[in-house]
Amino acid sequence: HARLIEKNLKRYVTNKIIRLSDGQQAVDFLFSEG
């Protein structure tokens, strides 16, 4: 799903995309933890 989302989005936007694969990584990233 992540590859499909990135591949299809990149056809329409040039924004940088950062991918994380679980909620703990997301919380750590968003709150500069871990």
ModelCIF file with pLDDT and N, C-alpha, C, O atoms, coordinates in Angstrom:
data_MODEL
#
_entry.id   MODEL 
#
_entity.id                         1 
_entity.type                       polymer 
_entity.pdbx_number_of_molecules   1 
#
_entity_poly.entity_id                      1 
_entity_poly.type                           'polypeptide(L)' 
_entity_poly.nstd_linkage                   no 
_entity_poly.nstd_monomer                   no 
_entity_poly.pdbx_seq_one_letter_code       HARLIEKNLKRYVTNKIIRLSDGQQAVDFLFSEG 
_entity_poly.pdbx_seq_one_letter_code_can   HARLIEKNLKRYVTNKIIRLSDGQQAVDFLFSEG 
_entity_poly.pdbx_strand_id                 A 
#
loop_
_entity_poly_seq.entity_id 
_entity_poly_seq.num 
_entity_poly_seq.mon_id 
_entity_poly_seq.hetero 
1 1  HIS n 
1 2  ALA n 
1 3  ARG n 
1 4  LEU n 
1 5  ILE n 
1 6  GLU n 
1 7  LYS n 
1 8  ASN n 
1 9  LEU n 
1 10 LYS n 
1 11 ARG n 
1 12 TYR n 
1 13 VAL n 
1 14 THR n 
1 15 ASN n 
1 16 LYS n 
1 17 ILE n 
1 18 ILE n 
1 19 ARG n 
1 20 LEU n 
1 21 SER n 
1 22 ASP n 
1 23 GLY n 
1 24 GLN n 
1 25 GLN n 
1 26 ALA n 
1 27 VAL n 
1 28 ASP n 
1 29 PHE n 
1 30 LEU n 
1 31 PHE n 
1 32 SER n 
1 33 GLU n 
1 34 GLY n 
#
_struct_asym.id          A 
_struct_asym.entity_id   1 
#
loop_
_ma_qa_metric.id 
_ma_qa_metric.mode 
_ma_qa_metric.name 
_ma_qa_metric.software_group_id 
_ma_qa_metric.type 
1 global pLDDT . pLDDT 
2 local  pLDDT . pLDDT 
#
_ma_qa_metric_global.metric_id      1 
_ma_qa_metric_global.metric_value   92.35 
_ma_qa_metric_global.model_id       1 
_ma_qa_metric_global.ordinal_id     1 
#
loop_
_ma_qa_metric_local.label_asym_id 
_ma_qa_metric_local.label_comp_id 
_ma_qa_metric_local.label_seq_id 
_ma_qa_metric_local.metric_id 
_ma_qa_metric_local.metric_value 
_ma_qa_metric_local.model_id 
_ma_qa_metric_local.ordinal_id 
A HIS 1  2 88.00 1 1  
A ALA 2  2 93.00 1 2  
A ARG 3  2 91.00 1 3  
A LEU 4  2 88.00 1 4  
A ILE 5  2 91.00 1 5  
A GLU 6  2 92.00 1 6  
A LYS 7  2 90.00 1 7  
A ASN 8  2 87.00 1 8  
A LEU 9  2 89.00 1 9  
A LYS 10 2 89.00 1 10 
A ARG 11 2 86.00 1 11 
A TYR 12 2 84.00 1 12 
A VAL 13 2 87.00 1 13 
A THR 14 2 88.00 1 14 
A ASN 15 2 90.00 1 15 
A LYS 16 2 93.00 1 16 
A ILE 17 2 95.00 1 17 
A ILE 18 2 96.00 1 18 
A ARG 19 2 97.00 1 19 
A LEU 20 2 97.00 1 20 
A SER 21 2 95.00 1 21 
A ASP 22 2 95.00 1 22 
A GLY 23 2 95.00 1 23 
A GLN 24 2 96.00 1 24 
A GLN 25 2 96.00 1 25 
A ALA 26 2 96.00 1 26 
A VAL 27 2 96.00 1 27 
A ASP 28 2 96.00 1 28 
A PHE 29 2 96.00 1 29 
A LEU 30 2 96.00 1 30 
A PHE 31 2 94.00 1 31 
A SER 32 2 93.00 1 32 
A GLU 33 2 93.00 1 33 
A GLY 34 2 92.00 1 34 
#
loop_
_atom_site.group_PDB 
_atom_site.id 
_atom_site.type_symbol 
_atom_site.label_atom_id 
_atom_site.label_alt_id 
_atom_site.label_comp_id 
_atom_site.label_asym_id 
_atom_site.label_entity_id 
_atom_site.label_seq_id 
_atom_site.pdbx_PDB_ins_code 
_atom_site.Cartn_x 
_atom_site.Cartn_y 
_atom_site.Cartn_z 
_atom_site.occupancy 
_atom_site.B_iso_or_equiv 
_atom_site.pdbx_formal_charge 
_atom_site.auth_seq_id 
_atom_site.auth_comp_id 
_atom_site.auth_asym_id 
_atom_site.auth_atom_id 
_atom_site.pdbx_PDB_model_num 
ATOM 1   N N  . HIS A 1 1  ? 0.835  -1.204 0.000   1.00 88.00 ? 1  HIS A N  1 
ATOM 2   C CA . HIS A 1 1  ? 0.000  0.000  0.000   1.00 88.00 ? 1  HIS A CA 1 
ATOM 3   C C  . HIS A 1 1  ? 0.869  1.254  0.000   1.00 88.00 ? 1  HIS A C  1 
ATOM 4   O O  . HIS A 1 1  ? 0.593  2.215  -0.718  1.00 88.00 ? 1  HIS A O  1 
ATOM 5   N N  . ALA A 1 2  ? 1.923  1.230  0.816   1.00 93.00 ? 2  ALA A N  1 
ATOM 6   C CA . ALA A 1 2  ? 2.809  2.399  0.898   1.00 93.00 ? 2  ALA A CA 1 
ATOM 7   C C  . ALA A 1 2  ? 3.425  2.705  -0.462  1.00 93.00 ? 2  ALA A C  1 
ATOM 8   O O  . ALA A 1 2  ? 3.473  3.864  -0.874  1.00 93.00 ? 2  ALA A O  1 
ATOM 9   N N  . ARG A 1 3  ? 3.900  1.665  -1.170  1.00 91.00 ? 3  ARG A N  1 
ATOM 10  C CA . ARG A 1 3  ? 4.486  1.876  -2.503  1.00 91.00 ? 3  ARG A CA 1 
ATOM 11  C C  . ARG A 1 3  ? 3.457  2.442  -3.469  1.00 91.00 ? 3  ARG A C  1 
ATOM 12  O O  . ARG A 1 3  ? 3.756  3.364  -4.228  1.00 91.00 ? 3  ARG A O  1 
ATOM 13  N N  . LEU A 1 4  ? 2.252  1.898  -3.445  1.00 88.00 ? 4  LEU A N  1 
ATOM 14  C CA . LEU A 1 4  ? 1.198  2.398  -4.336  1.00 88.00 ? 4  LEU A CA 1 
ATOM 15  C C  . LEU A 1 4  ? 0.845  3.855  -4.019  1.00 88.00 ? 4  LEU A C  1 
ATOM 16  O O  . LEU A 1 4  ? 0.677  4.667  -4.929  1.00 88.00 ? 4  LEU A O  1 
ATOM 17  N N  . ILE A 1 5  ? 0.737  4.173  -2.759  1.00 91.00 ? 5  ILE A N  1 
ATOM 18  C CA . ILE A 1 5  ? 0.417  5.546  -2.366  1.00 91.00 ? 5  ILE A CA 1 
ATOM 19  C C  . ILE A 1 5  ? 1.522  6.487  -2.835  1.00 91.00 ? 5  ILE A C  1 
ATOM 20  O O  . ILE A 1 5  ? 1.248  7.504  -3.471  1.00 91.00 ? 5  ILE A O  1 
ATOM 21  N N  . GLU A 1 6  ? 2.770  6.147  -2.520  1.00 92.00 ? 6  GLU A N  1 
ATOM 22  C CA . GLU A 1 6  ? 3.895  7.005  -2.916  1.00 92.00 ? 6  GLU A CA 1 
ATOM 23  C C  . GLU A 1 6  ? 3.977  7.146  -4.433  1.00 92.00 ? 6  GLU A C  1 
ATOM 24  O O  . GLU A 1 6  ? 4.090  8.254  -4.956  1.00 92.00 ? 6  GLU A O  1 
ATOM 25  N N  . LYS A 1 7  ? 3.919  6.015  -5.132  1.00 90.00 ? 7  LYS A N  1 
ATOM 26  C CA . LYS A 1 7  ? 4.036  6.026  -6.594  1.00 90.00 ? 7  LYS A CA 1 
ATOM 27  C C  . LYS A 1 7  ? 2.959  6.913  -7.220  1.00 90.00 ? 7  LYS A C  1 
ATOM 28  O O  . LYS A 1 7  ? 3.246  7.740  -8.085  1.00 90.00 ? 7  LYS A O  1 
ATOM 29  N N  . ASN A 1 8  ? 1.720  6.729  -6.772  1.00 87.00 ? 8  ASN A N  1 
ATOM 30  C CA . ASN A 1 8  ? 0.625  7.498  -7.349  1.00 87.00 ? 8  ASN A CA 1 
ATOM 31  C C  . ASN A 1 8  ? 0.663  8.960  -6.939  1.00 87.00 ? 8  ASN A C  1 
ATOM 32  O O  . ASN A 1 8  ? 0.379  9.833  -7.758  1.00 87.00 ? 8  ASN A O  1 
ATOM 33  N N  . LEU A 1 9  ? 1.007  9.245  -5.689  1.00 89.00 ? 9  LEU A N  1 
ATOM 34  C CA . LEU A 1 9  ? 1.085  10.642 -5.260  1.00 89.00 ? 9  LEU A CA 1 
ATOM 35  C C  . LEU A 1 9  ? 2.184  11.394 -6.005  1.00 89.00 ? 9  LEU A C  1 
ATOM 36  O O  . LEU A 1 9  ? 2.012  12.558 -6.366  1.00 89.00 ? 9  LEU A O  1 
ATOM 37  N N  . LYS A 1 10 ? 3.313  10.725 -6.234  1.00 89.00 ? 10 LYS A N  1 
ATOM 38  C CA . LYS A 1 10 ? 4.444  11.395 -6.897  1.00 89.00 ? 10 LYS A CA 1 
ATOM 39  C C  . LYS A 1 10 ? 4.119  11.785 -8.339  1.00 89.00 ? 10 LYS A C  1 
ATOM 40  O O  . LYS A 1 10 ? 4.838  12.583 -8.941  1.00 89.00 ? 10 LYS A O  1 
ATOM 41  N N  . ARG A 1 11 ? 3.060  11.239 -8.885  1.00 86.00 ? 11 ARG A N  1 
ATOM 42  C CA . ARG A 1 11 ? 2.617  11.654 -10.216 1.00 86.00 ? 11 ARG A CA 1 
ATOM 43  C C  . ARG A 1 11 ? 2.007  13.052 -10.180 1.00 86.00 ? 11 ARG A C  1 
ATOM 44  O O  . ARG A 1 11 ? 1.959  13.747 -11.196 1.00 86.00 ? 11 ARG A O  1 
ATOM 45  N N  . TYR A 1 12 ? 1.537  13.457 -8.992  1.00 84.00 ? 12 TYR A N  1 
ATOM 46  C CA . TYR A 1 12 ? 0.765  14.691 -8.883  1.00 84.00 ? 12 TYR A CA 1 
ATOM 47  C C  . TYR A 1 12 ? 1.374  15.745 -7.971  1.00 84.00 ? 12 TYR A C  1 
ATOM 48  O O  . TYR A 1 12 ? 1.007  16.917 -8.054  1.00 84.00 ? 12 TYR A O  1 
ATOM 49  N N  . VAL A 1 13 ? 2.301  15.347 -7.101  1.00 87.00 ? 13 VAL A N  1 
ATOM 50  C CA . VAL A 1 13 ? 2.935  16.318 -6.209  1.00 87.00 ? 13 VAL A CA 1 
ATOM 51  C C  . VAL A 1 13 ? 4.446  16.085 -6.182  1.00 87.00 ? 13 VAL A C  1 
ATOM 52  O O  . VAL A 1 13 ? 4.923  14.980 -6.440  1.00 87.00 ? 13 VAL A O  1 
ATOM 53  N N  . THR A 1 14 ? 5.178  17.134 -5.869  1.00 88.00 ? 14 THR A N  1 
ATOM 54  C CA . THR A 1 14 ? 6.633  17.021 -5.762  1.00 88.00 ? 14 THR A CA 1 
ATOM 55  C C  . THR A 1 14 ? 7.084  17.075 -4.307  1.00 88.00 ? 14 THR A C  1 
ATOM 56  O O  . THR A 1 14 ? 8.283  17.104 -4.029  1.00 88.00 ? 14 THR A O  1 
ATOM 57  N N  . ASN A 1 15 ? 6.138  17.089 -3.387  1.00 90.00 ? 15 ASN A N  1 
ATOM 58  C CA . ASN A 1 15 ? 6.446  17.172 -1.968  1.00 90.00 ? 15 ASN A CA 1 
ATOM 59  C C  . ASN A 1 15 ? 7.326  16.011 -1.523  1.00 90.00 ? 15 ASN A C  1 
ATOM 60  O O  . ASN A 1 15 ? 7.230  14.903 -2.052  1.00 90.00 ? 15 ASN A O  1 
ATOM 61  N N  . LYS A 1 16 ? 8.179  16.281 -0.549  1.00 93.00 ? 16 LYS A N  1 
ATOM 62  C CA . LYS A 1 16 ? 8.969  15.222 0.064   1.00 93.00 ? 16 LYS A CA 1 
ATOM 63  C C  . LYS A 1 16 ? 8.019  14.318 0.836   1.00 93.00 ? 16 LYS A C  1 
ATOM 64  O O  . LYS A 1 16 ? 7.123  14.796 1.532   1.00 93.00 ? 16 LYS A O  1 
ATOM 65  N N  . ILE A 1 17 ? 8.219  12.998 0.709   1.00 95.00 ? 17 ILE A N  1 
ATOM 66  C CA . ILE A 1 17 ? 7.400  12.019 1.424   1.00 95.00 ? 17 ILE A CA 1 
ATOM 67  C C  . ILE A 1 17 ? 8.318  11.213 2.342   1.00 95.00 ? 17 ILE A C  1 
ATOM 68  O O  . ILE A 1 17 ? 9.303  10.627 1.893   1.00 95.00 ? 17 ILE A O  1 
ATOM 69  N N  . ILE A 1 18 ? 7.985  11.191 3.623   1.00 96.00 ? 18 ILE A N  1 
ATOM 70  C CA . ILE A 1 18 ? 8.694  10.382 4.607   1.00 96.00 ? 18 ILE A CA 1 
ATOM 71  C C  . ILE A 1 18 ? 7.753  9.258  5.007   1.00 96.00 ? 18 ILE A C  1 
ATOM 72  O O  . ILE A 1 18 ? 6.605  9.517  5.370   1.00 96.00 ? 18 ILE A O  1 
ATOM 73  N N  . ARG A 1 19 ? 8.218  8.007  4.947   1.00 97.00 ? 19 ARG A N  1 
ATOM 74  C CA . ARG A 1 19 ? 7.346  6.877  5.290   1.00 97.00 ? 19 ARG A CA 1 
ATOM 75  C C  . ARG A 1 19 ? 7.793  6.225  6.582   1.00 97.00 ? 19 ARG A C  1 
ATOM 76  O O  . ARG A 1 19 ? 8.974  5.943  6.782   1.00 97.00 ? 19 ARG A O  1 
ATOM 77  N N  . LEU A 1 20 ? 6.835  5.994  7.445   1.00 97.00 ? 20 LEU A N  1 
ATOM 78  C CA . LEU A 1 20 ? 7.056  5.239  8.675   1.00 97.00 ? 20 LEU A CA 1 
ATOM 79  C C  . LEU A 1 20 ? 6.076  4.073  8.673   1.00 97.00 ? 20 LEU A C  1 
ATOM 80  O O  . LEU A 1 20 ? 4.982  4.175  8.117   1.00 97.00 ? 20 LEU A O  1 
ATOM 81  N N  . SER A 1 21 ? 6.473  2.958  9.302   1.00 95.00 ? 21 SER A N  1 
ATOM 82  C CA . SER A 1 21 ? 5.670  1.746  9.150   1.00 95.00 ? 21 SER A CA 1 
ATOM 83  C C  . SER A 1 21 ? 4.907  1.299  10.387  1.00 95.00 ? 21 SER A C  1 
ATOM 84  O O  . SER A 1 21 ? 4.256  0.255  10.353  1.00 95.00 ? 21 SER A O  1 
ATOM 85  N N  . ASP A 1 22 ? 4.968  2.059  11.482  1.00 95.00 ? 22 ASP A N  1 
ATOM 86  C CA . ASP A 1 22 ? 4.098  1.727  12.608  1.00 95.00 ? 22 ASP A CA 1 
ATOM 87  C C  . ASP A 1 22 ? 3.853  2.969  13.461  1.00 95.00 ? 22 ASP A C  1 
ATOM 88  O O  . ASP A 1 22 ? 4.535  3.985  13.332  1.00 95.00 ? 22 ASP A O  1 
ATOM 89  N N  . GLY A 1 23 ? 2.868  2.854  14.326  1.00 95.00 ? 23 GLY A N  1 
ATOM 90  C CA . GLY A 1 23 ? 2.460  3.991  15.128  1.00 95.00 ? 23 GLY A CA 1 
ATOM 91  C C  . GLY A 1 23 ? 3.508  4.472  16.109  1.00 95.00 ? 23 GLY A C  1 
ATOM 92  O O  . GLY A 1 23 ? 3.597  5.670  16.378  1.00 95.00 ? 23 GLY A O  1 
ATOM 93  N N  . GLN A 1 24 ? 4.308  3.554  16.651  1.00 96.00 ? 24 GLN A N  1 
ATOM 94  C CA . GLN A 1 24 ? 5.352  3.975  17.591  1.00 96.00 ? 24 GLN A CA 1 
ATOM 95  C C  . GLN A 1 24 ? 6.399  4.826  16.880  1.00 96.00 ? 24 GLN A C  1 
ATOM 96  O O  . GLN A 1 24 ? 6.838  5.844  17.414  1.00 96.00 ? 24 GLN A O  1 
ATOM 97  N N  . GLN A 1 25 ? 6.800  4.411  15.675  1.00 96.00 ? 25 GLN A N  1 
ATOM 98  C CA . GLN A 1 25 ? 7.735  5.230  14.896  1.00 96.00 ? 25 GLN A CA 1 
ATOM 99  C C  . GLN A 1 25 ? 7.141  6.616  14.661  1.00 96.00 ? 25 GLN A C  1 
ATOM 100 O O  . GLN A 1 25 ? 7.845  7.622  14.754  1.00 96.00 ? 25 GLN A O  1 
ATOM 101 N N  . ALA A 1 26 ? 5.850  6.666  14.359  1.00 96.00 ? 26 ALA A N  1 
ATOM 102 C CA . ALA A 1 26 ? 5.188  7.945  14.089  1.00 96.00 ? 26 ALA A CA 1 
ATOM 103 C C  . ALA A 1 26 ? 5.213  8.843  15.317  1.00 96.00 ? 26 ALA A C  1 
ATOM 104 O O  . ALA A 1 26 ? 5.546  10.023 15.212  1.00 96.00 ? 26 ALA A O  1 
ATOM 105 N N  . VAL A 1 27 ? 4.866  8.300  16.479  1.00 96.00 ? 27 VAL A N  1 
ATOM 106 C CA . VAL A 1 27 ? 4.872  9.087  17.715  1.00 96.00 ? 27 VAL A CA 1 
ATOM 107 C C  . VAL A 1 27 ? 6.286  9.573  18.013  1.00 96.00 ? 27 VAL A C  1 
ATOM 108 O O  . VAL A 1 27 ? 6.489  10.737 18.357  1.00 96.00 ? 27 VAL A O  1 
ATOM 109 N N  . ASP A 1 28 ? 7.266  8.672  17.879  1.00 96.00 ? 28 ASP A N  1 
ATOM 110 C CA . ASP A 1 28 ? 8.662  9.068  18.121  1.00 96.00 ? 28 ASP A CA 1 
ATOM 111 C C  . ASP A 1 28 ? 9.080  10.189 17.174  1.00 96.00 ? 28 ASP A C  1 
ATOM 112 O O  . ASP A 1 28 ? 9.716  11.156 17.594  1.00 96.00 ? 28 ASP A O  1 
ATOM 113 N N  . PHE A 1 29 ? 8.725  10.062 15.900  1.00 96.00 ? 29 PHE A N  1 
ATOM 114 C CA . PHE A 1 29 ? 9.074  11.074 14.897  1.00 96.00 ? 29 PHE A CA 1 
ATOM 115 C C  . PHE A 1 29 ? 8.400  12.410 15.216  1.00 96.00 ? 29 PHE A C  1 
ATOM 116 O O  . PHE A 1 29 ? 9.050  13.456 15.217  1.00 96.00 ? 29 PHE A O  1 
ATOM 117 N N  . LEU A 1 30 ? 7.113  12.367 15.483  1.00 96.00 ? 30 LEU A N  1 
ATOM 118 C CA . LEU A 1 30 ? 6.346  13.589 15.715  1.00 96.00 ? 30 LEU A CA 1 
ATOM 119 C C  . LEU A 1 30 ? 6.753  14.331 16.984  1.00 96.00 ? 30 LEU A C  1 
ATOM 120 O O  . LEU A 1 30 ? 6.669  15.558 17.049  1.00 96.00 ? 30 LEU A O  1 
ATOM 121 N N  . PHE A 1 31 ? 7.194  13.577 17.994  1.00 94.00 ? 31 PHE A N  1 
ATOM 122 C CA . PHE A 1 31 ? 7.531  14.183 19.282  1.00 94.00 ? 31 PHE A CA 1 
ATOM 123 C C  . PHE A 1 31 ? 9.031  14.174 19.575  1.00 94.00 ? 31 PHE A C  1 
ATOM 124 O O  . PHE A 1 31 ? 9.454  14.438 20.700  1.00 94.00 ? 31 PHE A O  1 
ATOM 125 N N  . SER A 1 32 ? 9.840  13.863 18.535  1.00 93.00 ? 32 SER A N  1 
ATOM 126 C CA . SER A 1 32 ? 11.310 13.830 18.668  1.00 93.00 ? 32 SER A CA 1 
ATOM 127 C C  . SER A 1 32 ? 11.740 12.978 19.859  1.00 93.00 ? 32 SER A C  1 
ATOM 128 O O  . SER A 1 32 ? 12.484 13.431 20.730  1.00 93.00 ? 32 SER A O  1 
ATOM 129 N N  . GLU A 1 33 ? 11.258 11.739 19.878  1.00 93.00 ? 33 GLU A N  1 
ATOM 130 C CA . GLU A 1 33 ? 11.576 10.792 20.943  1.00 93.00 ? 33 GLU A CA 1 
ATOM 131 C C  . GLU A 1 33 ? 12.227 9.551  20.336  1.00 93.00 ? 33 GLU A C  1 
ATOM 132 O O  . GLU A 1 33 ? 12.299 9.413  19.115  1.00 93.00 ? 33 GLU A O  1 
ATOM 133 N N  . GLY A 1 34 ? 12.699 8.653  21.196  1.00 92.00 ? 34 GLY A N  1 
ATOM 134 C CA . GLY A 1 34 ? 13.264 7.387  20.746  1.00 92.00 ? 34 GLY A CA 1 
ATOM 135 C C  . GLY A 1 34 ? 14.353 7.579  19.707  1.00 92.00 ? 34 GLY A C  1 
ATOM 136 O O  . GLY A 1 34 ? 14.929 6.602  19.229  1.00 92.00 ? 34 GLY A O  1 
#
